[in-house]
């Protein structure tokens, strides 16, 4: 099966479960070019019953192999966690880990092919350095393939192409069709789910505490640990059930809040020039303040401001690579006082001001290969949508959501953004003295 690929240049984290019927076969393959002389590649395969990870970043092939062998009678599901950060690789089979601290000169994995699971359209296209023996397709079952926190949909609709792939389960139940430990029951050609006491819905994906919730005005019902629920109010509403209308010019973020601003003039913008300025106050040493960009895939452009390790941190991606994050340390940033921060992107030159003082100035690409910030008109303040963790979405550039207050946000021009008119949840009135 083949799947549309996405950027895994800086780091590659792959997790999958498999139930083999043969001691040899390709489980996962991606390369720079779809031919034997492929350039960069990364391959996970079975070799005489062991799992092997091979990758080449342009200088030499790095090989990791598990000490233990898998069971090949189709009776056991094995779990692989494999990948690399820069040139350093790791391979984990059923909890037993092998690592390789490589001294390779190269650190980026350049890939252009699809992601291949279980085999290739033609085994002649496999780089011979990526496997130990003659290339062979995998025989057995594969489920839950996750690459850089994105799960591949192992279905006819989810895959781009495939051949000789059948249903491993053999029933309509499949794998994890019933959520939250629900039991799948086959009913002829369909199925039903028997849910645990606190869950309901066709696939046990709804909390019983939210099935008859009292949350109003498009608020989100969030189950809590006490077998009850909380209402996360949409912008402009507060109260236990979001029953009270509110307005504010200063937004108060609680650590699980966000505002999503859509720039109405994005199509008319000069993407080589971006400005963002705002005031913030906090007592925390970690937190995402603003993220300008789609934040859907690793390769998406962005300009971000936040707090990390007791410092102000600016990070920019204008295309193929993420700049080295720019850091400014100031012990007074976390004293619950107001600070003004502004960042200007002029092609590849980034300048940052704190309280009207220039603190950072860097040309992140003197060769000017990528000069546009293609942010798709989207900006986030304080965090992302519920369920999207900041550390995961930002690839660990920032650790958590913002806790504190933000006001006077200016983006691209002299007109202040009316935060209350944007999309967002769980944001409170920061104008009040509390």
Protein backbone atom coordinates (compact mmCIF):
# COMPACT_ATOMS: atom_id res chain seq x y z
CA UNK A 1 0.00 0.00 0.00
CA UNK A 2 1.22 3.53 -0.74
CA UNK A 3 0.26 6.71 1.06
CA UNK A 4 0.76 10.39 0.37
CA UNK A 5 3.95 11.39 2.13
CA UNK A 6 4.80 14.43 4.17
CA UNK A 7 8.03 15.96 5.34
CA UNK A 8 10.10 13.86 7.74
CA UNK A 9 13.33 15.68 7.08
CA UNK A 10 14.55 16.64 10.56
CA UNK A 11 13.17 13.67 12.44
CA UNK A 12 11.26 10.50 11.65
CA UNK A 13 9.24 8.65 14.28
CA UNK A 14 7.44 5.50 13.08
CA UNK A 15 5.25 3.21 15.14
CA UNK A 16 3.40 0.18 13.78
CA UNK A 17 2.00 -3.16 14.84
CA UNK A 18 2.48 -6.30 12.75
CA UNK A 19 1.69 -10.01 12.81
CA UNK A 20 4.15 -11.78 10.47
CA UNK A 21 3.76 -15.01 8.53
CA UNK A 22 7.26 -14.89 7.06
CA UNK A 23 10.73 -14.11 8.43
CA UNK A 24 11.58 -11.64 5.65
CA UNK A 25 9.80 -8.69 4.07
CA UNK A 26 9.62 -4.90 3.78
CA UNK A 27 7.39 -3.27 6.39
CA UNK A 28 8.01 0.39 5.53
CA UNK A 29 9.95 2.20 2.81
CA UNK A 30 10.46 5.80 1.72
CA UNK A 31 13.18 7.31 -0.47
CA UNK A 32 14.36 10.40 -2.28
CA UNK A 33 13.78 8.79 -5.69
CA UNK A 34 11.77 5.72 -6.68
CA UNK A 35 14.62 3.75 -8.24
CA UNK A 36 17.50 1.52 -7.17
CA UNK A 37 19.87 4.50 -6.98
CA UNK A 38 17.39 6.28 -4.76
CA UNK A 39 19.54 8.81 -2.92
CA UNK A 40 18.32 9.16 0.66
CA UNK A 41 16.13 6.37 2.04
CA UNK A 42 14.66 4.85 5.20
CA UNK A 43 13.54 1.24 5.36
CA UNK A 44 12.14 -1.04 8.09
CA UNK A 45 12.20 -4.72 7.17
CA UNK A 46 12.25 -8.24 8.54
CA UNK A 47 15.56 -10.02 8.00
CA UNK A 48 15.70 -13.68 8.99
CA UNK A 49 13.17 -13.00 11.74
CA UNK A 50 14.87 -9.89 13.15
CA UNK A 51 13.69 -6.35 12.55
CA UNK A 52 16.13 -4.08 10.78
CA UNK A 53 16.11 -0.30 10.35
CA UNK A 54 18.31 1.14 7.60
CA UNK A 55 18.60 4.76 6.55
CA UNK A 56 20.94 6.88 4.50
CA UNK A 57 21.02 10.67 4.73
CA UNK A 58 23.44 11.11 1.84
CA UNK A 59 26.79 9.92 3.15
CA UNK A 60 26.57 6.38 4.59
CA UNK A 61 23.99 3.71 5.42
CA UNK A 62 23.21 3.32 9.12
CA UNK A 63 21.93 -0.11 10.20
CA UNK A 64 20.13 -1.05 13.42
CA UNK A 65 18.93 -4.59 14.08
CA UNK A 66 16.97 -6.10 16.96
CA UNK A 67 18.57 -8.78 19.09
CA UNK A 68 15.37 -10.79 19.41
CA UNK A 69 13.43 -12.44 16.60
CA UNK A 70 9.71 -12.25 15.89
CA UNK A 71 7.15 -15.04 15.93
CA UNK A 72 6.19 -15.88 12.35
CA UNK A 73 3.12 -18.10 12.80
CA UNK A 74 0.67 -15.20 12.82
CA UNK A 75 -0.24 -15.63 16.49
CA UNK A 76 1.42 -12.56 18.04
CA UNK A 77 1.11 -8.87 17.36
CA UNK A 78 4.53 -7.21 17.60
CA UNK A 79 5.07 -3.48 18.12
CA UNK A 80 7.85 -1.50 16.41
CA UNK A 81 8.95 1.99 17.36
CA UNK A 82 11.71 3.18 15.06
CA UNK A 83 13.18 6.33 13.62
CA UNK A 84 15.85 8.95 13.80
CA UNK A 85 16.50 12.50 14.97
CA UNK A 86 19.13 13.96 12.70
CA UNK A 87 21.58 11.12 12.13
CA UNK A 88 20.92 9.39 15.47
CA UNK A 89 18.62 6.41 15.12
CA UNK A 90 16.67 4.08 17.37
CA UNK A 91 14.79 0.81 17.00
CA UNK A 92 12.45 -0.71 19.57
CA UNK A 93 10.76 -4.09 19.21
CA UNK A 94 8.24 -5.01 21.90
CA UNK A 95 9.92 -2.68 24.40
CA UNK A 96 13.54 -3.73 23.81
CA UNK A 97 15.54 -0.80 22.41
CA UNK A 98 18.58 -0.48 20.16
CA UNK A 99 20.13 2.94 19.45
CA UNK A 100 22.86 4.23 17.16
CA UNK A 101 24.66 7.48 17.93
CA UNK A 102 25.95 8.10 14.46
CA UNK A 103 28.74 10.51 13.57
CA UNK A 104 27.37 11.05 10.09
CA UNK A 105 27.97 14.44 8.49
CA UNK A 106 24.44 14.63 7.11
CA UNK A 107 21.42 15.16 9.38
CA UNK A 108 18.45 15.59 7.01
CA UNK A 109 16.39 12.87 5.31
CA UNK A 110 15.29 14.15 1.90
CA UNK A 111 12.34 12.13 0.56
CA UNK A 112 10.02 12.61 -2.40
CA UNK A 113 8.35 9.20 -2.81
CA UNK A 114 5.14 7.99 -1.22
CA UNK A 115 5.21 6.09 2.05
CA UNK A 116 5.11 2.37 1.23
CA UNK A 117 3.73 -0.17 3.73
CA UNK A 118 4.24 -3.90 3.20
CA UNK A 119 6.01 -3.71 -0.14
CA UNK A 120 6.57 -1.78 -3.37
CA UNK A 121 4.93 -1.60 -6.81
CA UNK A 122 8.11 -3.28 -8.11
CA UNK A 123 10.87 -4.68 -5.91
CA UNK A 124 13.40 -3.54 -8.53
CA UNK A 125 12.77 0.01 -7.31
CA UNK A 126 14.16 -0.73 -3.84
CA UNK A 127 17.62 0.61 -3.09
CA UNK A 128 19.78 -2.52 -2.55
CA UNK A 129 21.53 -0.80 0.38
CA UNK A 130 18.20 -0.54 2.23
CA UNK A 131 17.84 -4.30 2.74
CA UNK A 132 20.11 -7.18 3.76
CA UNK A 133 18.77 -9.87 1.43
CA UNK A 134 16.85 -9.93 -1.84
CA UNK A 135 13.85 -7.58 -1.50
CA UNK A 136 10.57 -9.25 -0.60
CA UNK A 137 7.11 -8.03 0.22
CA UNK A 138 5.79 -8.48 3.74
CA UNK A 139 3.45 -11.41 4.48
CA UNK A 140 1.09 -11.00 7.39
CA UNK A 141 -0.99 -8.28 9.00
CA UNK A 142 -0.17 -4.64 9.74
CA UNK A 143 -2.20 -2.17 11.79
CA UNK A 144 -1.90 1.25 13.43
CA UNK A 145 0.91 2.82 11.38
CA UNK A 146 1.77 6.20 12.90
CA UNK A 147 4.39 8.52 11.39
CA UNK A 148 5.34 11.65 13.31
CA UNK A 149 2.07 11.45 15.27
CA UNK A 150 -0.03 11.11 12.09
CA UNK A 151 -1.81 7.79 11.66
CA UNK A 152 -2.08 6.36 8.16
CA UNK A 153 -5.57 5.19 7.25
CA UNK A 154 -5.08 1.58 6.17
CA UNK A 155 -8.20 1.52 4.01
CA UNK A 156 -9.06 1.69 0.32
CA UNK A 157 -9.99 5.35 0.71
CA UNK A 158 -6.98 6.17 2.89
CA UNK A 159 -4.32 4.69 0.58
CA UNK A 160 -3.23 6.13 -2.76
CA UNK A 161 -2.67 2.68 -4.25
CA UNK A 162 -2.05 -0.95 -3.38
CA UNK A 163 -2.21 -4.54 -4.58
CA UNK A 164 -2.90 -7.97 -3.07
CA UNK A 165 -4.03 -6.50 0.24
CA UNK A 166 -6.90 -8.12 2.10
CA UNK A 167 -8.77 -7.72 5.36
CA UNK A 168 -6.67 -9.20 8.14
CA UNK A 169 -9.42 -9.40 10.70
CA UNK A 170 -11.86 -11.12 8.39
CA UNK A 171 -14.88 -9.56 10.11
CA UNK A 172 -16.60 -6.14 10.02
CA UNK A 173 -15.05 -5.37 13.42
CA UNK A 174 -11.51 -4.63 12.35
CA UNK A 175 -9.10 -3.02 14.80
CA UNK A 176 -10.14 -0.41 17.34
CA UNK A 177 -13.46 0.19 15.62
CA UNK A 178 -14.97 0.40 19.10
CA UNK A 179 -13.32 3.15 21.08
CA UNK A 180 -12.52 3.41 24.78
CA UNK A 181 -12.17 -0.36 25.29
CA UNK A 182 -15.61 -1.11 23.89
CA UNK A 183 -16.32 -4.68 22.73
CA UNK A 184 -17.04 -5.22 19.04
CA UNK A 185 -19.85 -7.67 18.24
CA UNK A 186 -20.28 -9.02 14.69
CA UNK A 187 -23.82 -8.92 13.30
CA UNK A 188 -23.60 -10.58 9.88
CA UNK A 189 -21.95 -8.01 7.60
CA UNK A 190 -22.14 -5.20 10.17
CA UNK A 191 -21.09 -4.71 13.78
CA UNK A 192 -22.20 -3.11 17.02
CA UNK A 193 -20.22 -1.94 20.04
CA UNK A 194 -20.85 -2.90 23.66
CA UNK A 195 -19.59 0.06 25.64
CA UNK A 196 -18.17 0.35 29.14
CA UNK A 197 -20.43 2.14 31.66
CA UNK A 198 -19.16 5.69 31.11
CA UNK A 199 -19.26 5.62 27.29
CA UNK A 200 -22.00 5.58 24.66
CA UNK A 201 -22.52 6.11 20.92
CA UNK A 202 -22.23 3.78 17.93
CA UNK A 203 -18.49 3.34 18.49
CA UNK A 204 -18.33 4.20 22.23
CA UNK A 205 -16.79 7.55 21.40
CA UNK A 206 -19.15 9.73 23.45
CA UNK A 207 -19.05 10.23 27.20
CA UNK A 208 -22.39 9.44 28.86
CA UNK A 209 -21.86 12.57 30.94
CA UNK A 210 -21.93 14.65 27.76
CA UNK A 211 -24.86 12.86 26.10
CA UNK A 212 -27.39 15.12 27.85
CA UNK A 213 -25.10 18.03 28.68
CA UNK A 214 -26.33 21.54 29.38
CA UNK A 215 -23.54 23.38 27.56
CA UNK A 216 -24.90 26.27 25.51
CA UNK A 217 -23.88 28.43 22.56
CA UNK A 218 -21.69 25.95 20.64
CA UNK A 219 -19.53 25.25 23.67
CA UNK A 220 -17.55 22.02 24.03
CA UNK A 221 -18.52 19.35 26.55
CA UNK A 222 -15.36 17.93 28.13
CA UNK A 223 -15.65 14.88 30.45
CA UNK A 224 -13.65 15.19 33.66
CA UNK A 225 -12.13 12.73 36.12
CA UNK A 226 -15.07 12.93 38.55
CA UNK A 227 -17.51 11.33 36.08
CA UNK A 228 -19.03 14.68 35.27
CA UNK A 229 -18.21 17.31 32.63
CA UNK A 230 -17.10 20.89 32.08
CA UNK A 231 -18.23 23.31 29.41
CA UNK A 232 -15.49 24.98 27.37
CA UNK A 233 -17.17 28.18 26.23
CA UNK A 234 -16.85 29.69 22.79
CA UNK A 235 -15.48 33.23 22.61
CA UNK A 236 -17.97 35.72 24.00
CA UNK A 237 -19.61 33.36 26.51
CA UNK A 238 -18.86 32.49 30.16
CA UNK A 239 -20.55 30.71 33.04
CA UNK A 240 -20.87 27.10 34.17
CA UNK A 241 -22.93 26.30 31.08
CA UNK A 242 -21.71 29.24 28.95
CA UNK A 243 -25.00 30.99 29.59
CA UNK A 244 -23.64 34.52 30.11
CA UNK A 245 -22.54 36.80 27.29
CA UNK A 246 -19.26 38.69 27.77
CA UNK A 247 -16.89 40.99 25.95
CA UNK A 248 -13.26 41.93 26.47
CA UNK A 249 -10.23 43.58 24.91
CA UNK A 250 -7.73 41.59 27.01
CA UNK A 251 -7.82 37.80 26.61
CA UNK A 252 -7.08 35.59 29.61
CA UNK A 253 -5.69 32.14 28.75
CA UNK A 254 -5.98 29.24 31.20
CA UNK A 255 -3.50 26.72 29.77
CA UNK A 256 -6.18 24.94 27.72
CA UNK A 257 -7.42 27.93 25.74
CA UNK A 258 -6.88 29.21 22.22
CA UNK A 259 -7.90 31.90 19.76
CA UNK A 260 -7.76 31.23 16.02
CA UNK A 261 -7.61 34.35 13.87
CA UNK A 262 -8.30 34.23 10.12
CA UNK A 263 -6.69 37.08 8.18
CA UNK A 264 -9.36 38.38 5.78
CA UNK A 265 -6.73 40.09 3.61
CA UNK A 266 -4.34 37.15 3.25
CA UNK A 267 -4.73 36.85 -0.54
CA UNK A 268 -3.63 40.47 -0.95
CA UNK A 269 -0.64 40.29 1.41
CA UNK A 270 3.00 40.58 0.44
CA UNK A 271 4.17 37.30 2.01
CA UNK A 272 7.78 38.48 2.03
CA UNK A 273 6.96 40.96 4.77
CA UNK A 274 5.17 40.11 8.02
CA UNK A 275 4.72 42.04 11.26
CA UNK A 276 3.14 40.92 14.53
CA UNK A 277 3.03 42.82 17.81
CA UNK A 278 1.20 42.31 21.10
CA UNK A 279 1.33 42.79 24.85
CA UNK A 280 1.48 39.82 27.22
CA UNK A 281 1.79 39.09 30.92
CA UNK A 282 2.39 35.76 32.64
CA UNK A 283 3.90 34.05 35.66
CA UNK A 284 4.81 30.91 33.69
CA UNK A 285 8.20 30.10 32.14
CA UNK A 286 6.77 27.97 29.30
CA UNK A 287 3.99 28.63 26.81
CA UNK A 288 3.07 29.33 23.19
CA UNK A 289 2.07 32.98 22.73
CA UNK A 290 1.39 33.13 18.98
CA UNK A 291 1.78 30.75 16.03
CA UNK A 292 1.32 32.23 12.55
CA UNK A 293 0.70 29.35 10.15
CA UNK A 294 -1.55 26.35 9.42
CA UNK A 295 0.18 24.04 11.92
CA UNK A 296 -1.01 20.91 10.12
CA UNK A 297 2.24 19.34 8.89
CA UNK A 298 5.92 19.60 9.74
CA UNK A 299 6.68 21.37 6.44
CA UNK A 300 4.07 24.13 6.89
CA UNK A 301 5.53 27.64 7.06
CA UNK A 302 5.27 29.44 10.39
CA UNK A 303 6.45 32.31 12.52
CA UNK A 304 6.08 31.69 16.24
CA UNK A 305 6.64 33.52 19.52
CA UNK A 306 6.60 31.86 22.91
CA UNK A 307 8.29 31.15 26.19
CA UNK A 308 10.67 28.23 26.59
CA UNK A 309 13.06 27.35 29.40
CA UNK A 310 12.61 30.76 31.05
CA UNK A 311 13.41 32.61 27.80
CA UNK A 312 11.59 34.37 24.98
CA UNK A 313 11.81 32.18 21.89
CA UNK A 314 11.23 33.06 18.23
CA UNK A 315 11.05 30.30 15.60
CA UNK A 316 10.58 30.67 11.84
CA UNK A 317 10.12 28.28 8.92
CA UNK A 318 9.93 29.86 5.47
CA UNK A 319 10.19 26.66 3.47
CA UNK A 320 12.45 23.68 3.48
CA UNK A 321 14.10 24.03 6.87
CA UNK A 322 13.36 25.43 10.29
CA UNK A 323 15.74 28.13 11.42
CA UNK A 324 17.74 27.71 14.57
CA UNK A 325 15.34 29.09 17.19
CA UNK A 326 16.30 32.56 18.40
CA UNK A 327 16.43 32.87 22.18
CA UNK A 328 16.45 35.91 24.47
CA UNK A 329 16.74 35.48 28.24
CA UNK A 330 15.21 37.97 30.61
CA UNK A 331 14.39 37.07 34.20
CA UNK A 332 11.60 39.64 34.43
CA UNK A 333 9.38 38.07 31.74
CA UNK A 334 7.51 35.92 34.26
CA UNK A 335 6.72 38.44 37.00
CA UNK A 336 3.11 39.05 35.92
CA UNK A 337 4.10 42.38 34.36
CA UNK A 338 3.07 43.58 30.93
CA UNK A 339 5.64 43.26 28.14
CA UNK A 340 5.40 44.39 24.54
CA UNK A 341 6.85 42.10 21.88
CA UNK A 342 6.99 42.64 18.14
CA UNK A 343 8.54 40.57 15.37
CA UNK A 344 9.23 41.67 11.81
CA UNK A 345 9.99 39.32 8.93
CA UNK A 346 11.53 41.03 5.89
CA UNK A 347 12.21 38.14 3.52
CA UNK A 348 14.77 36.08 5.50
CA UNK A 349 15.73 38.81 7.96
CA UNK A 350 14.00 38.42 11.33
CA UNK A 351 14.00 41.21 13.91
CA UNK A 352 12.42 41.03 17.35
CA UNK A 353 11.76 43.84 19.82
CA UNK A 354 10.95 43.51 23.51
CA UNK A 355 9.60 46.61 25.25
CA UNK A 356 10.77 48.64 22.24
CA UNK A 357 14.37 47.38 22.48
CA UNK A 358 15.90 45.37 19.64
CA UNK A 359 16.76 41.99 21.16
CA UNK A 360 17.21 39.73 18.12
CA UNK A 361 18.29 40.30 14.54
CA UNK A 362 19.20 37.41 12.24
CA UNK A 363 19.25 36.53 8.57
CA UNK A 364 18.08 32.92 8.67
CA UNK A 365 19.02 32.26 5.03
CA UNK A 366 21.52 34.68 3.43
CA UNK A 367 21.09 32.81 0.12
CA UNK A 368 17.42 33.87 0.04
CA UNK A 369 16.21 30.49 -1.21
CA UNK A 370 12.82 30.85 0.53
CA UNK A 371 11.54 34.34 1.31
CA UNK A 372 7.73 34.01 1.67
CA UNK A 373 5.82 33.20 4.85
CA UNK A 374 2.96 31.09 3.44
CA UNK A 375 0.80 31.07 6.56
CA UNK A 376 -2.51 30.49 4.73
CA UNK A 377 -4.13 33.36 6.61
CA UNK A 378 -4.21 31.45 9.91
CA UNK A 379 -2.82 32.50 13.29
CA UNK A 380 -3.22 30.95 16.74
CA UNK A 381 -2.93 32.68 20.10
CA UNK A 382 -2.26 30.74 23.29
CA UNK A 383 -2.58 27.22 21.88
CA UNK A 384 -4.45 25.08 19.38
CA UNK A 385 -7.82 23.35 19.09
CA UNK A 386 -8.87 21.03 21.91
CA UNK A 387 -6.99 17.73 21.69
CA UNK A 388 -4.06 19.18 19.71
CA UNK A 389 -1.16 19.34 22.15
CA UNK A 390 1.29 22.21 21.72
CA UNK A 391 4.39 20.05 22.10
CA UNK A 392 3.14 17.67 19.40
CA UNK A 393 1.93 20.29 16.91
CA UNK A 394 5.07 22.42 17.25
CA UNK A 395 7.43 19.43 17.15
CA UNK A 396 8.64 20.27 20.68
CA UNK A 397 9.58 23.84 19.78
CA UNK A 398 7.18 24.85 22.56
CA UNK A 399 6.07 22.64 25.44
CA UNK A 400 2.60 23.77 26.47
CA UNK A 401 -0.29 26.20 26.09
CA UNK A 402 0.01 29.77 27.31
CA UNK A 403 -1.20 30.80 30.77
CA UNK A 404 -1.64 34.53 31.18
CA UNK A 405 -3.05 37.54 29.36
CA UNK A 406 -2.69 38.90 25.82
CA UNK A 407 -3.93 42.24 24.48
CA UNK A 408 -3.30 44.86 21.78
CA UNK A 409 -2.60 42.39 18.98
CA UNK A 410 -1.59 44.04 15.71
CA UNK A 411 -1.01 41.91 12.63
CA UNK A 412 0.40 43.17 9.33
CA UNK A 413 -1.07 46.68 9.63
CA UNK A 414 -2.05 49.36 12.09
CA UNK A 415 -5.53 48.00 12.83
CA UNK A 416 -5.86 46.22 16.17
CA UNK A 417 -7.44 42.77 16.01
CA UNK A 418 -10.75 42.41 17.84
CA UNK A 419 -10.00 39.15 19.59
CA UNK A 420 -13.57 38.62 20.74
CA UNK A 421 -14.72 38.27 17.11
CA UNK A 422 -12.36 35.37 16.34
CA UNK A 423 -12.81 31.63 16.84
CA UNK A 424 -11.71 30.27 20.20
CA UNK A 425 -12.57 28.43 23.39
CA UNK A 426 -12.08 28.73 27.13
CA UNK A 427 -10.80 32.31 26.92
CA UNK A 428 -11.85 34.66 29.70
CA UNK A 429 -12.11 38.39 30.31
CA UNK A 430 -8.62 39.61 31.14
CA UNK A 431 -9.76 43.19 31.66
CA UNK A 432 -11.01 42.20 35.12
CA UNK A 433 -8.50 42.48 37.97
CA UNK A 434 -8.26 38.81 39.00
